[in-house]
């Protein structure tokens, strides 16, 4: 009886699990989840900051606020991400 686990990972290995393929798929899933969380947080934060009264459309000031907020959020996230990755590399080099 097959459990269904690993059916997409075996490739030409006759149903054997390929740890490299599994690891890559997990990395992709984590990256997608992180991107979704980033987008959700950015949307929530910028909506609360920029939208006073939700309506059928955004006025010019709301549109500008949303654009600036999202730009700043992404800039901050990129700065933190670069610093974090740099720190990880330094720590790995010291191991």
PDB file of N, CA and C in Angstrom:
ATOM      1  N   UNK A   1       0.837  -1.173   0.000  1.00  0.00           N
ATOM      2  CA  UNK A   1       0.000   0.000   0.000  1.00  0.00           C
ATOM      3  C   UNK A   1       0.882   1.237   0.000  1.00  0.00           C
ATOM      4  N   UNK A   2       0.650   2.151  -0.955  1.00  0.00           N
ATOM      5  CA  UNK A   2       1.435   3.384  -1.047  1.00  0.00           C
ATOM      6  C   UNK A   2       0.812   4.457  -0.192  1.00  0.00           C
ATOM      7  N   UNK A   3       1.691   5.233   0.456  1.00  0.00           N
ATOM      8  CA  UNK A   3       1.184   6.309   1.303  1.00  0.00           C
ATOM      9  C   UNK A   3       0.953   7.590   0.520  1.00  0.00           C
ATOM     10  N   UNK A   4       1.554   7.702  -0.671  1.00  0.00           N
ATOM     11  CA  UNK A   4       1.408   8.917  -1.448  1.00  0.00           C
ATOM     12  C   UNK A   4       2.519   9.911  -1.197  1.00  0.00           C
ATOM     13  N   UNK A   5       3.220   9.756  -0.095  1.00  0.00           N
ATOM     14  CA  UNK A   5       4.322  10.665   0.193  1.00  0.00           C
ATOM     15  C   UNK A   5       5.472  10.384  -0.751  1.00  0.00           C
ATOM     16  N   UNK A   6       6.030  11.429  -1.303  1.00  0.00           N
ATOM     17  CA  UNK A   6       7.205  11.281  -2.152  1.00  0.00           C
ATOM     18  C   UNK A   6       6.898  10.887  -3.571  1.00  0.00           C
ATOM     19  N   UNK A   7       5.646  10.786  -3.942  1.00  0.00           N
ATOM     20  CA  UNK A   7       5.331  10.345  -5.290  1.00  0.00           C
ATOM     21  C   UNK A   7       5.814  11.337  -6.337  1.00  0.00           C
ATOM     22  N   UNK A   8       5.965  12.600  -5.973  1.00  0.00           N
ATOM     23  CA  UNK A   8       6.461  13.595  -6.912  1.00  0.00           C
ATOM     24  C   UNK A   8       7.967  13.764  -6.831  1.00  0.00           C
ATOM     25  N   UNK A   9       8.602  13.076  -5.905  1.00  0.00           N
ATOM     26  CA  UNK A   9      10.014  13.300  -5.664  1.00  0.00           C
ATOM     27  C   UNK A   9      10.905  12.199  -6.241  1.00  0.00           C
ATOM     28  N   UNK A  10      10.338  11.082  -6.585  1.00  0.00           N
ATOM     29  CA  UNK A  10      11.144   9.922  -6.941  1.00  0.00           C
ATOM     30  C   UNK A  10      11.875  10.037  -8.253  1.00  0.00           C
ATOM     31  N   UNK A  11      11.278  10.651  -9.251  1.00  0.00           N
ATOM     32  CA  UNK A  11      11.911  10.737 -10.553  1.00  0.00           C
ATOM     33  C   UNK A  11      12.148   9.362 -11.126  1.00  0.00           C
ATOM     34  N   UNK A  12      13.349   9.131 -11.655  1.00  0.00           N
ATOM     35  CA  UNK A  12      13.686   7.853 -12.288  1.00  0.00           C
ATOM     36  C   UNK A  12      14.140   6.831 -11.264  1.00  0.00           C
ATOM     37  N   UNK A  13      14.075   7.139  -9.988  1.00  0.00           N
ATOM     38  CA  UNK A  13      14.602   6.265  -8.955  1.00  0.00           C
ATOM     39  C   UNK A  13      13.676   5.130  -8.578  1.00  0.00           C
ATOM     40  N   UNK A  14      12.617   4.892  -9.326  1.00  0.00           N
ATOM     41  CA  UNK A  14      11.745   3.775  -9.030  1.00  0.00           C
ATOM     42  C   UNK A  14      10.970   3.955  -7.733  1.00  0.00           C
ATOM     43  N   UNK A  15      10.542   5.163  -7.433  1.00  0.00           N
ATOM     44  CA  UNK A  15       9.755   5.398  -6.241  1.00  0.00           C
ATOM     45  C   UNK A  15      10.577   5.771  -5.030  1.00  0.00           C
ATOM     46  N   UNK A  16      11.887   5.760  -5.140  1.00  0.00           N
ATOM     47  CA  UNK A  16      12.731   6.152  -4.012  1.00  0.00           C
ATOM     48  C   UNK A  16      12.685   7.659  -3.833  1.00  0.00           C
ATOM     49  N   UNK A  17      12.756   8.081  -2.589  1.00  0.00           N
ATOM     50  CA  UNK A  17      12.746   9.508  -2.292  1.00  0.00           C
ATOM     51  C   UNK A  17      14.109  10.105  -2.580  1.00  0.00           C
ATOM     52  N   UNK A  18      14.098  11.253  -3.213  1.00  0.00           N
ATOM     53  CA  UNK A  18      15.330  11.992  -3.487  1.00  0.00           C
ATOM     54  C   UNK A  18      15.420  13.129  -2.483  1.00  0.00           C
ATOM     55  N   UNK A  19      16.300  13.007  -1.484  1.00  0.00           N
ATOM     56  CA  UNK A  19      16.377  14.045  -0.450  1.00  0.00           C
ATOM     57  C   UNK A  19      16.683  15.427  -1.020  1.00  0.00           C
ATOM     58  N   UNK A  20      17.485  15.518  -2.065  1.00  0.00           N
ATOM     59  CA  UNK A  20      17.790  16.811  -2.677  1.00  0.00           C
ATOM     60  C   UNK A  20      16.557  17.462  -3.268  1.00  0.00           C
ATOM     61  N   UNK A  21      15.742  16.663  -3.947  1.00  0.00           N
ATOM     62  CA  UNK A  21      14.519  17.189  -4.552  1.00  0.00           C
ATOM     63  C   UNK A  21      13.516  17.610  -3.481  1.00  0.00           C
ATOM     64  N   UNK A  22      13.442  16.821  -2.426  1.00  0.00           N
ATOM     65  CA  UNK A  22      12.541  17.165  -1.326  1.00  0.00           C
ATOM     66  C   UNK A  22      12.979  18.481  -0.698  1.00  0.00           C
ATOM     67  N   UNK A  23      14.273  18.618  -0.454  1.00  0.00           N
ATOM     68  CA  UNK A  23      14.798  19.832   0.171  1.00  0.00           C
ATOM     69  C   UNK A  23      14.524  21.051  -0.712  1.00  0.00           C
ATOM     70  N   UNK A  24      14.712  20.914  -2.013  1.00  0.00           N
ATOM     71  CA  UNK A  24      14.447  22.036  -2.924  1.00  0.00           C
ATOM     72  C   UNK A  24      12.977  22.419  -2.908  1.00  0.00           C
ATOM     73  N   UNK A  25      12.111  21.422  -2.893  1.00  0.00           N
ATOM     74  CA  UNK A  25      10.680  21.723  -2.879  1.00  0.00           C
ATOM     75  C   UNK A  25      10.272  22.392  -1.567  1.00  0.00           C
ATOM     76  N   UNK A  26      10.856  21.966  -0.464  1.00  0.00           N
ATOM     77  CA  UNK A  26      10.580  22.603   0.830  1.00  0.00           C
ATOM     78  C   UNK A  26      11.068  24.044   0.811  1.00  0.00           C
ATOM     79  N   UNK A  27      12.243  24.285   0.252  1.00  0.00           N
ATOM     80  CA  UNK A  27      12.775  25.653   0.164  1.00  0.00           C
ATOM     81  C   UNK A  27      11.849  26.546  -0.657  1.00  0.00           C
ATOM     82  N   UNK A  28      11.341  26.026  -1.760  1.00  0.00           N
ATOM     83  CA  UNK A  28      10.420  26.792  -2.604  1.00  0.00           C
ATOM     84  C   UNK A  28       9.136  27.103  -1.834  1.00  0.00           C
ATOM     85  N   UNK A  29       8.611  26.111  -1.124  1.00  0.00           N
ATOM     86  CA  UNK A  29       7.384  26.323  -0.362  1.00  0.00           C
ATOM     87  C   UNK A  29       7.588  27.355   0.743  1.00  0.00           C
ATOM     88  N   UNK A  30       8.742  27.323   1.394  1.00  0.00           N
ATOM     89  CA  UNK A  30       9.041  28.311   2.436  1.00  0.00           C
ATOM     90  C   UNK A  30       9.150  29.702   1.823  1.00  0.00           C
ATOM     91  N   UNK A  31       9.813  29.806   0.676  1.00  0.00           N
ATOM     92  CA  UNK A  31       9.946  31.106   0.007  1.00  0.00           C
ATOM     93  C   UNK A  31       8.580  31.669  -0.387  1.00  0.00           C
ATOM     94  N   UNK A  32       7.707  30.831  -0.896  1.00  0.00           N
ATOM     95  CA  UNK A  32       6.361  31.267  -1.271  1.00  0.00           C
ATOM     96  C   UNK A  32       5.590  31.724  -0.033  1.00  0.00           C
ATOM     97  N   UNK A  33       5.677  30.957   1.045  1.00  0.00           N
ATOM     98  CA  UNK A  33       4.983  31.327   2.282  1.00  0.00           C
ATOM     99  C   UNK A  33       5.520  32.653   2.827  1.00  0.00           C
ATOM    100  N   UNK A  34       6.829  32.843   2.772  1.00  0.00           N
ATOM    101  CA  UNK A  34       7.418  34.100   3.237  1.00  0.00           C
ATOM    102  C   UNK A  34       6.962  35.282   2.386  1.00  0.00           C
ATOM    103  N   UNK A  35       6.908  35.098   1.077  1.00  0.00           N
ATOM    104  CA  UNK A  35       6.461  36.168   0.188  1.00  0.00           C
ATOM    105  C   UNK A  35       4.994  36.512   0.454  1.00  0.00           C
ATOM    106  N   UNK A  36       4.172  35.498   0.680  1.00  0.00           N
ATOM    107  CA  UNK A  36       2.761  35.742   0.977  1.00  0.00           C
ATOM    108  C   UNK A  36       2.602  36.494   2.291  1.00  0.00           C
ATOM    109  N   UNK A  37       3.395  36.116   3.300  1.00  0.00           N
ATOM    110  CA  UNK A  37       3.319  36.800   4.587  1.00  0.00           C
ATOM    111  C   UNK A  37       3.783  38.246   4.466  1.00  0.00           C
ATOM    112  N   UNK A  38       4.866  38.472   3.713  1.00  0.00           N
ATOM    113  CA  UNK A  38       5.360  39.829   3.493  1.00  0.00           C
ATOM    114  C   UNK A  38       4.284  40.684   2.826  1.00  0.00           C
ATOM    115  N   UNK A  39       3.673  40.178   1.795  1.00  0.00           N
ATOM    116  CA  UNK A  39       2.632  40.915   1.083  1.00  0.00           C
ATOM    117  C   UNK A  39       1.438  41.203   1.989  1.00  0.00           C
ATOM    118  N   UNK A  40       1.036  40.225   2.792  1.00  0.00           N
ATOM    119  CA  UNK A  40      -0.109  40.412   3.690  1.00  0.00           C
ATOM    120  C   UNK A  40       0.193  41.473   4.746  1.00  0.00           C
ATOM    121  N   UNK A  41       1.384  41.409   5.340  1.00  0.00           N
ATOM    122  CA  UNK A  41       1.745  42.397   6.360  1.00  0.00           C
ATOM    123  C   UNK A  41       1.832  43.802   5.765  1.00  0.00           C
ATOM    124  N   UNK A  42       2.441  43.893   4.594  1.00  0.00           N
ATOM    125  CA  UNK A  42       2.575  45.188   3.941  1.00  0.00           C
ATOM    126  C   UNK A  42       1.191  45.759   3.611  1.00  0.00           C
ATOM    127  N   UNK A  43       0.321  44.933   3.091  1.00  0.00           N
ATOM    128  CA  UNK A  43      -1.033  45.366   2.750  1.00  0.00           C
ATOM    129  C   UNK A  43      -1.774  45.855   3.996  1.00  0.00           C
ATOM    130  N   UNK A  44      -1.715  45.067   5.060  1.00  0.00           N
ATOM    131  CA  UNK A  44      -2.407  45.452   6.291  1.00  0.00           C
ATOM    132  C   UNK A  44      -1.876  46.770   6.846  1.00  0.00           C
ATOM    133  N   UNK A  45      -0.559  46.864   6.936  1.00  0.00           N
ATOM    134  CA  UNK A  45       0.055  48.057   7.521  1.00  0.00           C
ATOM    135  C   UNK A  45      -0.255  49.306   6.689  1.00  0.00           C
ATOM    136  N   UNK A  46      -0.081  49.213   5.383  1.00  0.00           N
ATOM    137  CA  UNK A  46      -0.301  50.379   4.526  1.00  0.00           C
ATOM    138  C   UNK A  46      -1.780  50.744   4.434  1.00  0.00           C
ATOM    139  N   UNK A  47      -2.661  49.761   4.461  1.00  0.00           N
ATOM    140  CA  UNK A  47      -4.097  50.052   4.444  1.00  0.00           C
ATOM    141  C   UNK A  47      -4.476  50.831   5.695  1.00  0.00           C
ATOM    142  N   UNK A  48      -4.035  50.334   6.867  1.00  0.00           N
ATOM    143  CA  UNK A  48      -4.362  51.023   8.126  1.00  0.00           C
ATOM    144  C   UNK A  48      -3.800  52.440   8.143  1.00  0.00           C
ATOM    145  N   UNK A  49      -2.603  52.614   7.576  1.00  0.00           N
ATOM    146  CA  UNK A  49      -1.953  53.926   7.601  1.00  0.00           C
ATOM    147  C   UNK A  49      -2.596  54.911   6.621  1.00  0.00           C
ATOM    148  N   UNK A  50      -3.003  54.428   5.455  1.00  0.00           N
ATOM    149  CA  UNK A  50      -3.359  55.336   4.353  1.00  0.00           C
ATOM    150  C   UNK A  50      -4.844  55.492   4.065  1.00  0.00           C
ATOM    151  N   UNK A  51      -5.647  54.542   4.455  1.00  0.00           N
ATOM    152  CA  UNK A  51      -7.059  54.569   4.080  1.00  0.00           C
ATOM    153  C   UNK A  51      -7.898  54.979   5.282  1.00  0.00           C
ATOM    154  N   UNK A  52      -8.426  56.197   5.215  1.00  0.00           N
ATOM    155  CA  UNK A  52      -9.251  56.706   6.310  1.00  0.00           C
ATOM    156  C   UNK A  52     -10.645  56.115   6.288  1.00  0.00           C
ATOM    157  N   UNK A  53     -11.298  56.250   5.146  1.00  0.00           N
ATOM    158  CA  UNK A  53     -12.647  55.727   4.973  1.00  0.00           C
ATOM    159  C   UNK A  53     -12.655  54.854   3.722  1.00  0.00           C
ATOM    160  N   UNK A  54     -12.735  53.536   3.896  1.00  0.00           N
ATOM    161  CA  UNK A  54     -12.802  52.675   2.709  1.00  0.00           C
ATOM    162  C   UNK A  54     -14.026  53.019   1.864  1.00  0.00           C
ATOM    163  N   UNK A  55     -13.837  53.047   0.566  1.00  0.00           N
ATOM    164  CA  UNK A  55     -14.935  53.360  -0.347  1.00  0.00           C
ATOM    165  C   UNK A  55     -14.751  52.619  -1.653  1.00  0.00           C
ATOM    166  N   UNK A  56     -15.406  53.105  -2.658  1.00  0.00           N
ATOM    167  CA  UNK A  56     -15.374  52.451  -3.964  1.00  0.00           C
ATOM    168  C   UNK A  56     -14.086  52.685  -4.733  1.00  0.00           C
ATOM    169  N   UNK A  57     -13.362  53.749  -4.390  1.00  0.00           N
ATOM    170  CA  UNK A  57     -12.105  54.036  -5.092  1.00  0.00           C
ATOM    171  C   UNK A  57     -11.187  54.819  -4.159  1.00  0.00           C
ATOM    172  N   UNK A  58      -9.928  54.895  -4.555  1.00  0.00           N
ATOM    173  CA  UNK A  58      -8.933  55.635  -3.777  1.00  0.00           C
ATOM    174  C   UNK A  58      -8.762  57.026  -4.368  1.00  0.00           C
ATOM    175  N   UNK A  59      -8.683  58.037  -3.504  1.00  0.00           N
ATOM    176  CA  UNK A  59      -8.392  59.368  -4.032  1.00  0.00           C
ATOM    177  C   UNK A  59      -6.875  59.493  -4.248  1.00  0.00           C
ATOM    178  N   UNK A  60      -6.455  60.596  -4.830  1.00  0.00           N
ATOM    179  CA  UNK A  60      -5.038  60.767  -5.176  1.00  0.00           C
ATOM    180  C   UNK A  60      -4.123  60.669  -3.962  1.00  0.00           C
ATOM    181  N   UNK A  61      -4.513  61.274  -2.860  1.00  0.00           N
ATOM    182  CA  UNK A  61      -3.644  61.240  -1.679  1.00  0.00           C
ATOM    183  C   UNK A  61      -3.524  59.827  -1.128  1.00  0.00           C
ATOM    184  N   UNK A  62      -4.593  59.050  -1.175  1.00  0.00           N
ATOM    185  CA  UNK A  62      -4.539  57.659  -0.721  1.00  0.00           C
ATOM    186  C   UNK A  62      -3.650  56.822  -1.638  1.00  0.00           C
ATOM    187  N   UNK A  63      -3.775  57.050  -2.945  1.00  0.00           N
ATOM    188  CA  UNK A  63      -2.934  56.315  -3.894  1.00  0.00           C
ATOM    189  C   UNK A  63      -1.455  56.612  -3.666  1.00  0.00           C
ATOM    190  N   UNK A  64      -1.134  57.886  -3.463  1.00  0.00           N
ATOM    191  CA  UNK A  64       0.261  58.274  -3.209  1.00  0.00           C
ATOM    192  C   UNK A  64       0.757  57.682  -1.903  1.00  0.00           C
ATOM    193  N   UNK A  65      -0.078  57.730  -0.882  1.00  0.00           N
ATOM    194  CA  UNK A  65       0.292  57.183   0.421  1.00  0.00           C
ATOM    195  C   UNK A  65       0.566  55.679   0.320  1.00  0.00           C
ATOM    196  N   UNK A  66      -0.325  54.960  -0.345  1.00  0.00           N
ATOM    197  CA  UNK A  66      -0.145  53.504  -0.511  1.00  0.00           C
ATOM    198  C   UNK A  66       1.160  53.222  -1.241  1.00  0.00           C
ATOM    199  N   UNK A  67       1.420  53.933  -2.342  1.00  0.00           N
ATOM    200  CA  UNK A  67       2.641  53.707  -3.122  1.00  0.00           C
ATOM    201  C   UNK A  67       3.887  53.980  -2.286  1.00  0.00           C
ATOM    202  N   UNK A  68       3.891  55.101  -1.566  1.00  0.00           N
ATOM    203  CA  UNK A  68       5.048  55.445  -0.738  1.00  0.00           C
ATOM    204  C   UNK A  68       5.227  54.449   0.408  1.00  0.00           C
ATOM    205  N   UNK A  69       4.140  54.067   1.036  1.00  0.00           N
ATOM    206  CA  UNK A  69       4.192  53.119   2.143  1.00  0.00           C
ATOM    207  C   UNK A  69       4.766  51.783   1.682  1.00  0.00           C
ATOM    208  N   UNK A  70       4.278  51.297   0.545  1.00  0.00           N
ATOM    209  CA  UNK A  70       4.767  50.018   0.034  1.00  0.00           C
ATOM    210  C   UNK A  70       6.239  50.110  -0.343  1.00  0.00           C
ATOM    211  N   UNK A  71       6.643  51.217  -0.953  1.00  0.00           N
ATOM    212  CA  UNK A  71       8.059  51.406  -1.296  1.00  0.00           C
ATOM    213  C   UNK A  71       8.930  51.400  -0.048  1.00  0.00           C
ATOM    214  N   UNK A  72       8.518  52.141   0.966  1.00  0.00           N
ATOM    215  CA  UNK A  72       9.296  52.195   2.215  1.00  0.00           C
ATOM    216  C   UNK A  72       9.337  50.834   2.889  1.00  0.00           C
ATOM    217  N   UNK A  73       8.214  50.134   2.901  1.00  0.00           N
ATOM    218  CA  UNK A  73       8.150  48.815   3.530  1.00  0.00           C
ATOM    219  C   UNK A  73       9.112  47.852   2.838  1.00  0.00           C
ATOM    220  N   UNK A  74       9.088  47.849   1.503  1.00  0.00           N
ATOM    221  CA  UNK A  74       9.977  46.957   0.750  1.00  0.00           C
ATOM    222  C   UNK A  74      11.442  47.340   0.946  1.00  0.00           C
ATOM    223  N   UNK A  75      11.747  48.648   0.960  1.00  0.00           N
ATOM    224  CA  UNK A  75      13.121  49.090   1.206  1.00  0.00           C
ATOM    225  C   UNK A  75      13.599  48.629   2.573  1.00  0.00           C
ATOM    226  N   UNK A  76      12.761  48.789   3.578  1.00  0.00           N
ATOM    227  CA  UNK A  76      13.132  48.359   4.928  1.00  0.00           C
ATOM    228  C   UNK A  76      13.321  46.851   4.984  1.00  0.00           C
ATOM    229  N   UNK A  77      12.404  46.108   4.352  1.00  0.00           N
ATOM    230  CA  UNK A  77      12.504  44.656   4.357  1.00  0.00           C
ATOM    231  C   UNK A  77      13.782  44.203   3.653  1.00  0.00           C
ATOM    232  N   UNK A  78      14.112  44.828   2.529  1.00  0.00           N
ATOM    233  CA  UNK A  78      15.339  44.470   1.811  1.00  0.00           C
ATOM    234  C   UNK A  78      16.580  44.776   2.638  1.00  0.00           C
ATOM    235  N   UNK A  79      16.583  45.902   3.345  1.00  0.00           N
ATOM    236  CA  UNK A  79      17.718  46.256   4.192  1.00  0.00           C
ATOM    237  C   UNK A  79      17.907  45.231   5.307  1.00  0.00           C
ATOM    238  N   UNK A  80      16.823  44.887   5.970  1.00  0.00           N
ATOM    239  CA  UNK A  80      16.887  43.896   7.047  1.00  0.00           C
ATOM    240  C   UNK A  80      17.310  42.536   6.498  1.00  0.00           C
ATOM    241  N   UNK A  81      16.771  42.161   5.361  1.00  0.00           N
ATOM    242  CA  UNK A  81      17.102  40.875   4.753  1.00  0.00           C
ATOM    243  C   UNK A  81      18.584  40.787   4.395  1.00  0.00           C
ATOM    244  N   UNK A  82      19.131  41.852   3.808  1.00  0.00           N
ATOM    245  CA  UNK A  82      20.565  41.860   3.473  1.00  0.00           C
ATOM    246  C   UNK A  82      21.425  41.757   4.730  1.00  0.00           C
ATOM    247  N   UNK A  83      21.061  42.497   5.762  1.00  0.00           N
ATOM    248  CA  UNK A  83      21.819  42.457   7.015  1.00  0.00           C
ATOM    249  C   UNK A  83      21.748  41.066   7.639  1.00  0.00           C
ATOM    250  N   UNK A  84      20.580  40.462   7.619  1.00  0.00           N
ATOM    251  CA  UNK A  84      20.402  39.120   8.178  1.00  0.00           C
ATOM    252  C   UNK A  84      21.233  38.096   7.414  1.00  0.00           C
ATOM    253  N   UNK A  85      21.167  38.147   6.090  1.00  0.00           N
ATOM    254  CA  UNK A  85      21.946  37.212   5.272  1.00  0.00           C
ATOM    255  C   UNK A  85      23.440  37.404   5.468  1.00  0.00           C
ATOM    256  N   UNK A  86      23.866  38.640   5.583  1.00  0.00           N
ATOM    257  CA  UNK A  86      25.271  38.938   5.825  1.00  0.00           C
ATOM    258  C   UNK A  86      25.722  38.349   7.163  1.00  0.00           C
ATOM    259  N   UNK A  87      24.895  38.512   8.171  1.00  0.00           N
ATOM    260  CA  UNK A  87      25.221  37.965   9.489  1.00  0.00           C
ATOM    261  C   UNK A  87      25.292  36.445   9.448  1.00  0.00           C
ATOM    262  N   UNK A  88      24.343  35.816   8.765  1.00  0.00           N
ATOM    263  CA  UNK A  88      24.366  34.353   8.631  1.00  0.00           C
ATOM    264  C   UNK A  88      25.656  33.881   7.967  1.00  0.00           C
ATOM    265  N   UNK A  89      26.063  34.564   6.908  1.00  0.00           N
ATOM    266  CA  UNK A  89      27.293  34.187   6.210  1.00  0.00           C
ATOM    267  C   UNK A  89      28.502  34.319   7.117  1.00  0.00           C
ATOM    268  N   UNK A  90      28.570  35.407   7.895  1.00  0.00           N
ATOM    269  CA  UNK A  90      29.685  35.589   8.827  1.00  0.00           C
ATOM    270  C   UNK A  90      29.708  34.487   9.881  1.00  0.00           C
ATOM    271  N   UNK A  91      28.540  34.154  10.410  1.00  0.00           N
ATOM    272  CA  UNK A  91      28.473  33.109  11.440  1.00  0.00           C
ATOM    273  C   UNK A  91      28.845  31.754  10.868  1.00  0.00           C
ATOM    274  N   UNK A  92      28.426  31.452   9.657  1.00  0.00           N
ATOM    275  CA  UNK A  92      28.799  30.188   9.023  1.00  0.00           C
ATOM    276  C   UNK A  92      30.288  30.110   8.766  1.00  0.00           C
ATOM    277  N   UNK A  93      30.886  31.254   8.405  1.00  0.00           N
ATOM    278  CA  UNK A  93      32.318  31.282   8.139  1.00  0.00           C
ATOM    279  C   UNK A  93      33.121  31.048   9.426  1.00  0.00           C
ATOM    280  N   UNK A  94      32.561  31.415  10.568  1.00  0.00           N
ATOM    281  CA  UNK A  94      33.240  31.265  11.849  1.00  0.00           C
ATOM    282  C   UNK A  94      33.063  29.887  12.462  1.00  0.00           C
ATOM    283  N   UNK A  95      32.274  29.037  11.852  1.00  0.00           N
ATOM    284  CA  UNK A  95      32.023  27.687  12.414  1.00  0.00           C
ATOM    285  C   UNK A  95      33.182  26.771  12.154  1.00  0.00           C
TER     286      UNK A  95
END
